[in-house]
Amino acid sequence: MTPEERFERDIAAVLREGSPDAAPSALRERLEVSMLPPAVARNRNRWVLLLGTGAAAAALLAAAIIGPKLLRAPGQSPGATDPLTALGSADASIRISPAILPSVPATAVPRVAPIAHPGFVQTGELLTPLDGWVVNTAGRLLMTHSGGASWRDITPQGVAGESFGPTFVDPSHGWLVAFRGVPITDLKIWRTTDSGATWTTSILKGLGNGNGAPAFLTPDLGWLATDPGGDKPKPELSWTIDGGSTWSDPIDLAASAGISTYQPMTFVDGQVGFISGDDLFRRTTDGGRTWADVAVAPRTLPLGSEEQISRIGLPSFNDSDHGVIQVALRYTDAGTRAGGAIYSTSDAGATWQLAFNDELQRAWTFIDESHWVAFDGQHAWSTSDAGHTITAAPSSGLPFPLGRARGTFVDPLHGWVSAVVACPVGNFCAISFEELYATSDGGLTWASVGDCKGPHVNRCGSRQPTPKP
């Protein structure tokens, strides 16, 4: 049988089985080329032959050198099988789904002139002292590479005006999931590798709305939790090892983690991750397939009749083994805080020890295991030795009284937080208006990110809001 006949036989078999996306890459390439105009197909074949030969040689060399190291757990022997690298193997219980729709080619975002003011901003993330992204109230995603001096609108086509959750692991690699208000059967994920200049989309068939932004540790390794919510919640978890081009078949979090609805989660490496919430703290050591309870703070009996809830935050790790977590105790009937403490781990979260008992019940932001910062609108507290010594200094620019300030610091000086004014005591505040603030001196002074014309006040004086696009 000639090579051409073998090719035609294999193509016919693939079409007969009804799974063309599961075909070997060479067959898919042949099918794609056969549908192109003759002149284009000839050029495509020449380049595919030249590039394919070089790529194959490079792939073999890379696989021999670094393949065994990818996604290996801390302390795992080279011969052990990692659960994530087993995705796609014949005996894996979870595999990269062949039913995923093909990725849509990248679409370029028009390179408009830099924007001086990004509009009113409530949420965003600082990636480096100069790089960060924000989402404004007009539903636009903008990025800065100058510490906020100028911005570019990098919103991909098809998500304008929708609520969405972006995430970036560095200034170049980012992902986006839109949260639609109506039920959907297929979930679209956008991804960029060039700071939003171009975006590529993938569609996860059969998944409902995403409840949180995708969680990525590297440009290749990431997770996505989904849950349609409502009367029929169905929390599920999928992951990718190729940057989001393909995703694993989803697992049922209600069965594997024992949660009825979506809960916040984070991952430390390819295997260890955590789910946290009110009286909830569970850990996975196999990339999210199974979860188990982990004890953090000992339960304390209330002095009176009020029952306490342990509100456990997501842990912060600065390497695979060492991390910290904040636990706040609240009374269930009044909702007031009853206490709070910081716990640390040195064994990837298997066990936790009390590191700092905070009598002032501050909300700490962790830069790393040793460096923490906290604010109340008038004071800035910082520690560089995990709470053994704490420095206090006046702070200005944040709302006061401060209800909450949550965000990220990339070093002890530079950070962004979304802050909201506290609800007056004895009042019920149904709506809280967040505003994004930035500091470059460790929280001593703060300034609004973007236009400072909020729902209630105008803190910017002469600065004018940016017209809506």
Protein backbone atom coordinates (compact mmCIF):
# COMPACT_ATOMS: atom_id res chain seq x y z
CA MET A 1 0.00 0.00 0.00
CA THR A 2 1.41 3.37 -1.02
CA PRO A 3 1.74 6.21 1.52
CA GLU A 4 -1.04 8.06 -0.28
CA GLU A 5 -3.37 5.07 0.02
CA ARG A 6 -2.57 4.68 3.72
CA PHE A 7 -3.35 8.36 4.22
CA GLU A 8 -6.72 8.08 2.48
CA ARG A 9 -7.53 4.93 4.47
CA ASP A 10 -6.81 6.68 7.78
CA ILE A 11 -8.81 9.75 6.83
CA ALA A 12 -11.77 7.57 5.88
CA ALA A 13 -11.52 5.75 9.23
CA VAL A 14 -11.50 8.99 11.17
CA LEU A 15 -14.52 10.35 9.31
CA ARG A 16 -16.33 7.05 9.72
CA GLU A 17 -15.80 7.14 13.51
CA GLY A 18 -17.16 10.67 13.68
CA SER A 19 -14.28 12.15 15.69
CA PRO A 20 -12.14 14.23 13.31
CA ASP A 21 -10.76 16.30 16.19
CA ALA A 22 -9.27 13.13 17.69
CA ALA A 23 -7.24 12.45 14.54
CA PRO A 24 -3.45 12.67 14.58
CA SER A 25 -2.15 16.14 13.86
CA ALA A 26 -0.94 15.13 10.40
CA LEU A 27 -4.42 13.98 9.41
CA ARG A 28 -6.00 17.15 10.73
CA GLU A 29 -3.48 19.19 8.78
CA ARG A 30 -4.28 17.22 5.62
CA LEU A 31 -8.01 17.80 6.08
CA GLU A 32 -7.50 21.51 6.66
CA VAL A 33 -5.29 21.90 3.60
CA SER A 34 -7.74 19.99 1.41
CA MET A 35 -10.37 22.65 2.11
CA LEU A 36 -8.13 25.58 1.15
CA PRO A 37 -7.95 27.17 -2.33
CA PRO A 38 -5.33 25.36 -4.50
CA ALA A 39 -2.79 28.21 -4.48
CA VAL A 40 -3.06 28.66 -0.73
CA ALA A 41 -2.90 24.91 -0.15
CA ARG A 42 0.34 24.62 -2.12
CA ASN A 43 1.98 27.37 -0.05
CA ARG A 44 0.62 25.87 3.17
CA ASN A 45 2.02 22.45 2.33
CA ARG A 46 5.50 23.83 1.62
CA TRP A 47 5.66 25.76 4.89
CA VAL A 48 4.14 22.93 6.90
CA LEU A 49 6.78 20.54 5.58
CA LEU A 50 9.67 22.90 6.38
CA LEU A 51 8.39 24.07 9.74
CA GLY A 52 7.07 20.68 10.76
CA THR A 53 10.43 19.01 10.29
CA GLY A 54 12.21 21.58 12.45
CA ALA A 55 9.45 21.64 15.06
CA ALA A 56 9.48 17.88 15.38
CA ALA A 57 13.22 17.82 16.01
CA ALA A 58 12.94 20.62 18.56
CA ALA A 59 10.02 18.91 20.31
CA LEU A 60 11.94 15.64 20.63
CA LEU A 61 14.94 17.45 22.11
CA ALA A 62 12.77 19.45 24.54
CA ALA A 63 10.86 16.37 25.62
CA ALA A 64 14.08 14.51 26.36
CA ILE A 65 15.53 17.36 28.40
CA ILE A 66 12.63 18.92 30.31
CA GLY A 67 9.67 16.62 29.83
CA PRO A 68 10.21 14.54 33.00
CA LYS A 69 10.47 17.71 35.08
CA LEU A 70 7.15 19.23 34.06
CA LEU A 71 4.50 19.39 36.79
CA ARG A 72 6.46 17.08 39.11
CA ALA A 73 5.29 17.43 42.69
CA PRO A 74 7.74 18.54 45.40
CA GLY A 75 9.80 15.50 46.36
CA GLN A 76 8.33 13.32 43.65
CA SER A 77 10.77 10.84 42.17
CA PRO A 78 11.52 11.11 38.46
CA GLY A 79 9.91 7.73 37.83
CA ALA A 80 6.60 8.59 39.51
CA THR A 81 3.54 9.44 37.42
CA ASP A 82 2.10 12.89 38.03
CA PRO A 83 -1.72 13.05 37.82
CA LEU A 84 -1.67 16.04 35.50
CA THR A 85 0.91 14.68 33.08
CA ALA A 86 -1.23 11.55 32.85
CA LEU A 87 -4.05 13.52 31.26
CA GLY A 88 -4.72 12.05 27.87
CA SER A 89 -3.16 8.68 28.63
CA ALA A 90 -5.22 5.57 28.06
CA ASP A 91 -5.55 4.72 31.74
CA ALA A 92 -6.18 8.26 33.06
CA SER A 93 -9.54 8.76 34.73
CA ILE A 94 -9.62 12.34 33.48
CA ARG A 95 -8.35 13.20 30.05
CA ILE A 96 -8.00 16.17 27.76
CA SER A 97 -11.37 16.24 26.08
CA PRO A 98 -11.44 15.50 22.34
CA ALA A 99 -14.94 16.98 22.25
CA ILE A 100 -13.72 20.52 22.78
CA LEU A 101 -14.49 22.80 19.86
CA PRO A 102 -11.48 23.89 17.79
CA SER A 103 -9.87 27.15 18.85
CA VAL A 104 -10.89 30.20 16.85
CA PRO A 105 -7.97 32.00 15.19
CA ALA A 106 -6.59 34.99 17.03
CA THR A 107 -8.36 38.30 16.49
CA ALA A 108 -6.43 41.53 16.83
CA VAL A 109 -7.58 44.33 19.11
CA PRO A 110 -7.36 47.64 17.26
CA ARG A 111 -4.21 49.47 18.39
CA VAL A 112 -5.88 52.68 19.48
CA ALA A 113 -3.95 55.58 20.91
CA PRO A 114 -3.05 55.31 24.60
CA ILE A 115 -5.76 56.40 27.00
CA ALA A 116 -4.89 58.84 29.78
CA HIS A 117 -7.87 58.04 32.02
CA PRO A 118 -9.42 54.56 31.94
CA GLY A 119 -12.81 55.57 33.36
CA PHE A 120 -14.19 54.78 36.79
CA VAL A 121 -12.46 51.62 38.01
CA GLN A 122 -13.57 49.25 40.75
CA THR A 123 -11.39 46.21 40.22
CA GLY A 124 -7.98 45.34 38.83
CA GLU A 125 -4.67 43.68 39.59
CA LEU A 126 -1.12 44.95 39.79
CA LEU A 127 1.29 42.48 38.14
CA THR A 128 4.58 44.38 38.51
CA PRO A 129 5.33 47.90 39.77
CA LEU A 130 4.58 49.12 36.21
CA ASP A 131 2.19 46.56 34.73
CA GLY A 132 -1.44 45.94 35.63
CA TRP A 133 -4.97 45.52 34.30
CA VAL A 134 -8.33 47.03 35.29
CA VAL A 135 -11.98 46.60 34.36
CA ASN A 136 -13.95 49.84 34.36
CA THR A 137 -17.67 50.29 34.96
CA ALA A 138 -18.28 50.52 31.21
CA GLY A 139 -17.19 46.88 30.92
CA ARG A 140 -13.82 47.51 29.25
CA LEU A 141 -10.57 45.71 30.01
CA LEU A 142 -7.56 48.02 30.02
CA MET A 143 -3.86 47.45 30.62
CA THR A 144 -1.03 49.72 31.67
CA HIS A 145 2.72 49.23 31.30
CA SER A 146 3.57 52.58 32.88
CA GLY A 147 2.19 52.32 36.39
CA GLY A 148 -1.10 53.94 35.34
CA ALA A 149 0.31 56.92 33.42
CA SER A 150 -1.32 55.61 30.23
CA TRP A 151 -3.61 52.73 29.28
CA ARG A 152 -4.72 50.69 26.28
CA ASP A 153 -8.16 49.18 25.79
CA ILE A 154 -7.50 45.46 25.19
CA THR A 155 -11.10 44.22 25.44
CA PRO A 156 -11.48 41.28 23.04
CA GLN A 157 -14.30 41.41 20.52
CA GLY A 158 -17.49 39.80 21.73
CA VAL A 159 -17.37 40.69 25.44
CA ALA A 160 -18.15 44.42 25.41
CA GLY A 161 -20.65 45.38 28.07
CA GLU A 162 -20.60 41.98 29.76
CA SER A 163 -19.37 41.09 33.21
CA PHE A 164 -16.19 39.08 32.97
CA GLY A 165 -13.30 37.81 35.03
CA PRO A 166 -9.76 38.29 33.70
CA THR A 167 -6.57 36.79 35.05
CA PHE A 168 -2.93 37.34 34.05
CA VAL A 169 0.12 35.37 35.20
CA ASP A 170 2.46 38.01 33.77
CA PRO A 171 2.06 41.14 31.62
CA SER A 172 1.84 39.03 28.43
CA HIS A 173 -0.27 35.94 29.25
CA GLY A 174 -3.91 36.42 30.21
CA TRP A 175 -7.32 34.74 30.07
CA LEU A 176 -10.90 35.93 30.20
CA VAL A 177 -14.29 34.31 30.89
CA ALA A 178 -17.56 36.18 30.40
CA PHE A 179 -20.28 35.83 33.05
CA ARG A 180 -23.57 36.02 31.20
CA GLY A 181 -26.82 36.57 33.03
CA VAL A 182 -28.65 33.84 31.11
CA PRO A 183 -27.88 30.12 31.18
CA ILE A 184 -25.49 28.94 28.48
CA THR A 185 -24.52 25.46 27.35
CA ASP A 186 -21.04 26.20 26.02
CA LEU A 187 -18.47 28.36 27.80
CA LYS A 188 -16.11 30.57 25.81
CA ILE A 189 -12.63 31.37 27.10
CA TRP A 190 -10.40 34.05 25.58
CA ARG A 191 -6.60 33.91 25.91
CA THR A 192 -3.76 36.22 24.92
CA THR A 193 0.00 35.79 24.81
CA ASP A 194 0.87 39.36 23.76
CA SER A 195 -0.67 41.65 26.40
CA GLY A 196 -4.06 41.71 24.71
CA ALA A 197 -2.92 42.71 21.22
CA THR A 198 -4.52 39.50 19.93
CA TRP A 199 -6.94 37.03 21.52
CA THR A 200 -7.75 33.40 20.74
CA THR A 201 -10.94 31.69 21.90
CA SER A 202 -11.75 28.15 22.95
CA ILE A 203 -15.18 26.76 23.76
CA LEU A 204 -15.85 24.25 26.52
CA LYS A 205 -18.90 22.29 25.43
CA GLY A 206 -21.59 21.59 27.97
CA LEU A 207 -20.26 23.88 30.72
CA GLY A 208 -22.36 26.64 32.21
CA ASN A 209 -21.30 30.02 33.48
CA GLY A 210 -17.94 30.47 35.15
CA ASN A 211 -18.14 31.77 38.70
CA GLY A 212 -14.54 32.88 39.01
CA ALA A 213 -11.69 33.94 36.80
CA PRO A 214 -9.47 31.12 35.53
CA ALA A 215 -6.64 30.35 37.95
CA PHE A 216 -3.27 29.98 36.22
CA LEU A 217 0.09 29.24 37.81
CA THR A 218 2.14 29.34 34.60
CA PRO A 219 1.39 30.27 30.98
CA ASP A 220 0.47 26.58 30.48
CA LEU A 221 -1.06 25.26 33.73
CA GLY A 222 -4.45 26.51 34.92
CA TRP A 223 -7.89 25.64 36.33
CA LEU A 224 -11.44 26.87 35.80
CA ALA A 225 -14.38 26.40 38.19
CA THR A 226 -17.90 26.64 36.80
CA ASP A 227 -21.35 26.58 38.39
CA PRO A 228 -24.66 27.65 36.80
CA GLY A 229 -26.00 28.44 40.29
CA GLY A 230 -29.67 29.15 40.78
CA ASP A 231 -32.02 26.30 41.64
CA LYS A 232 -29.74 23.71 40.05
CA PRO A 233 -26.16 24.37 41.18
CA LYS A 234 -23.52 22.14 39.65
CA PRO A 235 -19.97 23.08 40.71
CA GLU A 236 -17.38 21.58 38.37
CA LEU A 237 -13.64 21.92 37.85
CA SER A 238 -11.63 21.69 34.63
CA TRP A 239 -7.94 22.26 33.99
CA THR A 240 -5.49 22.74 31.16
CA ILE A 241 -1.81 21.97 30.63
CA ASP A 242 -1.47 23.77 27.29
CA GLY A 243 -2.46 27.33 28.15
CA GLY A 244 -6.17 26.81 27.52
CA SER A 245 -6.09 25.37 24.02
CA THR A 246 -7.70 22.23 25.44
CA TRP A 247 -9.24 21.46 28.82
CA SER A 248 -9.83 18.34 30.85
CA ASP A 249 -13.26 16.81 31.15
CA PRO A 250 -14.89 18.50 34.17
CA ILE A 251 -15.06 16.78 37.53
CA ASP A 252 -18.02 17.07 39.90
CA LEU A 253 -16.92 19.20 42.86
CA ALA A 254 -20.05 18.30 44.82
CA ALA A 255 -18.88 14.69 44.83
CA SER A 256 -15.11 15.17 45.03
CA ALA A 257 -14.96 18.18 47.39
CA GLY A 258 -18.26 17.90 49.23
CA ILE A 259 -19.44 21.42 48.35
CA SER A 260 -22.93 22.15 47.03
CA THR A 261 -22.06 25.41 45.26
CA TYR A 262 -18.94 27.12 43.94
CA GLN A 263 -16.45 28.23 46.62
CA PRO A 264 -13.22 30.26 46.20
CA MET A 265 -10.16 28.14 45.45
CA THR A 266 -6.47 28.54 44.74
CA PHE A 267 -3.59 26.30 43.69
CA VAL A 268 0.01 26.21 44.87
CA ASP A 269 1.48 23.91 42.23
CA GLY A 270 0.32 21.22 39.81
CA GLN A 271 -1.03 19.09 42.63
CA VAL A 272 -1.73 21.09 45.81
CA GLY A 273 -4.73 23.40 46.03
CA PHE A 274 -7.26 24.73 48.56
CA ILE A 275 -10.96 25.55 48.84
CA SER A 276 -11.98 27.89 51.65
CA GLY A 277 -15.02 29.63 53.08
CA ASP A 278 -17.12 29.81 56.23
CA ASP A 279 -16.16 26.81 58.38
CA LEU A 280 -14.68 25.30 55.23
CA PHE A 281 -11.08 24.48 54.39
CA ARG A 282 -10.23 21.58 52.11
CA ARG A 283 -7.03 20.56 50.34
CA THR A 284 -6.21 18.56 47.23
CA THR A 285 -2.92 16.81 46.54
CA ASP A 286 -3.80 15.40 43.11
CA GLY A 287 -4.52 18.52 41.07
CA GLY A 288 -8.18 18.85 42.10
CA ARG A 289 -9.52 15.34 41.66
CA THR A 290 -10.07 14.63 45.36
CA TRP A 291 -10.28 16.91 48.40
CA ALA A 292 -10.00 16.43 52.17
CA ASP A 293 -10.59 18.59 55.25
CA VAL A 294 -7.56 20.23 56.83
CA ALA A 295 -7.60 21.61 60.38
CA VAL A 296 -6.39 25.20 60.66
CA ALA A 297 -7.81 27.02 63.68
CA PRO A 298 -9.07 25.14 66.75
CA ARG A 299 -12.75 25.64 67.46
CA THR A 300 -13.42 27.85 70.46
CA LEU A 301 -16.61 27.83 72.48
CA PRO A 302 -18.43 31.19 72.63
CA LEU A 303 -18.76 32.88 76.01
CA GLY A 304 -22.45 33.50 75.52
CA SER A 305 -25.19 31.98 73.43
CA GLU A 306 -23.82 33.33 70.17
CA GLU A 307 -22.45 30.77 67.76
CA GLN A 308 -19.14 31.44 66.02
CA ILE A 309 -18.18 30.94 62.40
CA SER A 310 -14.59 30.59 61.26
CA ARG A 311 -14.23 32.63 58.08
CA ILE A 312 -11.12 31.15 56.47
CA GLY A 313 -9.39 33.07 53.70
CA LEU A 314 -7.45 31.63 50.80
CA PRO A 315 -3.85 30.83 51.73
CA SER A 316 -0.91 32.72 50.26
CA PHE A 317 2.22 30.75 49.33
CA ASN A 318 5.62 32.10 48.33
CA ASP A 319 6.93 28.64 47.43
CA SER A 320 5.52 25.12 47.28
CA ASP A 321 5.90 24.52 51.03
CA HIS A 322 5.64 27.81 52.93
CA GLY A 323 2.45 29.80 53.22
CA VAL A 324 0.17 31.80 55.52
CA ILE A 325 -3.58 32.09 55.99
CA GLN A 326 -5.90 34.40 57.92
CA VAL A 327 -8.83 33.09 59.96
CA ALA A 328 -11.50 35.48 61.29
CA LEU A 329 -14.05 34.43 63.89
CA ARG A 330 -17.50 35.99 63.59
CA TYR A 331 -20.69 35.78 65.62
CA THR A 332 -23.52 34.38 63.51
CA ASP A 333 -26.34 36.50 64.93
CA ALA A 334 -24.62 39.91 64.85
CA GLY A 335 -22.07 39.32 62.12
CA THR A 336 -19.43 41.12 64.18
CA ARG A 337 -15.87 39.90 64.48
CA ALA A 338 -14.96 37.87 67.52
CA GLY A 339 -11.26 37.55 66.82
CA GLY A 340 -8.68 36.73 64.18
CA ALA A 341 -5.32 35.10 63.74
CA ILE A 342 -2.67 34.21 61.16
CA TYR A 343 -1.54 30.61 60.70
CA SER A 344 1.50 29.37 58.81
CA THR A 345 2.60 26.11 57.19
CA SER A 346 5.95 24.69 56.12
CA ASP A 347 4.68 21.42 54.64
CA ALA A 348 2.51 22.60 51.71
CA GLY A 349 -0.54 23.09 53.89
CA ALA A 350 -0.77 19.62 55.43
CA THR A 351 -0.51 21.17 58.92
CA TRP A 352 -0.85 24.74 60.21
CA GLN A 353 0.54 26.51 63.29
CA LEU A 354 -0.49 29.76 64.96
CA ALA A 355 1.87 32.51 63.75
CA PHE A 356 0.18 35.67 65.04
CA ASN A 357 -2.86 36.32 67.20
CA ASP A 358 -4.21 39.70 66.07
CA GLU A 359 -6.03 41.46 68.89
CA LEU A 360 -6.90 44.39 66.57
CA GLN A 361 -8.57 42.00 64.10
CA ARG A 362 -6.96 43.57 61.05
CA ALA A 363 -7.42 42.31 57.50
CA TRP A 364 -3.90 41.48 56.34
CA THR A 365 -2.61 41.37 52.77
CA PHE A 366 0.27 38.92 52.36
CA ILE A 367 3.19 39.87 50.13
CA ASP A 368 5.06 36.71 51.07
CA GLU A 369 5.41 34.52 54.16
CA SER A 370 7.19 37.24 56.16
CA HIS A 371 5.90 40.53 54.71
CA TRP A 372 2.31 41.55 55.51
CA VAL A 373 0.43 44.87 55.33
CA ALA A 374 -2.91 46.05 56.75
CA PHE A 375 -4.91 49.31 56.65
CA ASP A 376 -7.95 50.91 58.25
CA GLY A 377 -8.11 54.19 56.30
CA GLN A 378 -6.04 56.14 58.84
CA HIS A 379 -3.22 53.74 59.71
CA ALA A 380 -0.85 51.48 57.80
CA TRP A 381 0.69 48.48 59.55
CA SER A 382 3.50 46.37 58.15
CA THR A 383 5.70 43.50 59.24
CA SER A 384 8.78 41.98 57.64
CA ASP A 385 9.23 39.13 60.13
CA ALA A 386 5.84 37.35 60.08
CA GLY A 387 4.28 39.44 62.85
CA HIS A 388 7.07 39.35 65.43
CA THR A 389 7.45 43.13 65.06
CA ILE A 390 4.86 45.45 63.53
CA THR A 391 5.41 49.02 62.34
CA ALA A 392 2.54 51.51 62.41
CA ALA A 393 2.35 54.77 60.42
CA PRO A 394 -0.32 57.32 59.39
CA SER A 395 -2.06 56.53 56.10
CA SER A 396 -4.17 58.77 53.86
CA GLY A 397 -6.17 58.46 50.67
CA LEU A 398 -8.34 55.40 51.41
CA PRO A 399 -12.02 55.77 52.38
CA PHE A 400 -12.73 56.22 56.09
CA PRO A 401 -14.23 54.52 57.92
CA LEU A 402 -12.86 51.70 55.80
CA GLY A 403 -15.16 48.76 55.27
CA ARG A 404 -12.68 46.53 53.45
CA ALA A 405 -9.65 46.78 51.20
CA ARG A 406 -8.67 43.71 49.21
CA GLY A 407 -6.06 43.42 46.53
CA THR A 408 -2.45 42.57 45.81
CA PHE A 409 1.02 43.87 46.58
CA VAL A 410 3.87 42.95 44.24
CA ASP A 411 6.52 44.10 46.72
CA PRO A 412 6.49 45.91 50.10
CA LEU A 413 5.93 49.29 48.39
CA HIS A 414 3.63 48.77 45.38
CA GLY A 415 0.04 47.57 45.64
CA TRP A 416 -3.52 48.00 44.38
CA VAL A 417 -6.60 47.43 46.54
CA SER A 418 -10.35 47.67 45.92
CA ALA A 419 -11.74 49.60 48.90
CA VAL A 420 -15.22 50.41 50.12
CA VAL A 421 -16.56 52.69 52.87
CA ALA A 422 -17.85 50.85 55.93
CA CYS A 423 -21.58 50.62 56.43
CA PRO A 424 -22.59 52.77 59.42
CA VAL A 425 -23.24 50.81 62.58
CA GLY A 426 -26.91 49.89 62.89
CA ASN A 427 -27.60 50.33 59.17
CA PHE A 428 -28.11 47.80 56.42
CA CYS A 429 -26.12 48.57 53.27
CA ALA A 430 -27.42 46.57 50.33
CA ILE A 431 -24.96 48.10 47.85
CA SER A 432 -21.31 48.89 48.44
CA PHE A 433 -19.39 50.89 45.86
CA GLU A 434 -15.80 49.73 45.49
CA GLU A 435 -13.06 51.93 44.09
CA LEU A 436 -9.55 50.88 43.10
CA TYR A 437 -6.62 52.60 44.83
CA ALA A 438 -2.85 52.42 44.30
CA THR A 439 0.15 53.02 46.55
CA SER A 440 3.87 53.18 45.82
CA ASP A 441 5.07 53.82 49.38
CA GLY A 442 3.77 50.80 51.25
CA GLY A 443 0.32 52.27 51.95
CA LEU A 444 1.30 55.59 53.50
CA THR A 445 -0.49 57.43 50.69
CA TRP A 446 -3.10 56.22 48.21
CA ALA A 447 -4.53 57.56 44.96
CA SER A 448 -7.50 56.41 42.91
CA VAL A 449 -6.69 54.32 39.86
CA GLY A 450 -8.45 55.84 36.86
CA ASP A 451 -11.03 58.60 36.99
CA CYS A 452 -12.00 59.58 40.51
CA LYS A 453 -15.65 60.31 39.81
CA GLY A 454 -17.42 57.65 41.81
CA PRO A 455 -21.11 57.09 42.55
CA HIS A 456 -21.08 59.41 45.57
CA VAL A 457 -18.09 61.74 45.54
CA ASN A 458 -15.57 63.32 43.19
CA ARG A 459 -12.11 63.10 44.76
CA CYS A 460 -10.20 64.20 41.68
CA GLY A 461 -11.03 67.87 41.50
CA SER A 462 -10.15 69.06 38.00
CA ARG A 463 -9.77 65.63 36.42
CA GLN A 464 -12.62 64.73 34.10
CA PRO A 465 -14.04 61.28 33.46
CA THR A 466 -13.20 59.59 30.18
CA PRO A 467 -16.13 59.55 27.71
CA LYS A 468 -17.62 56.10 27.25
CA PRO A 469 -16.28 54.26 24.19
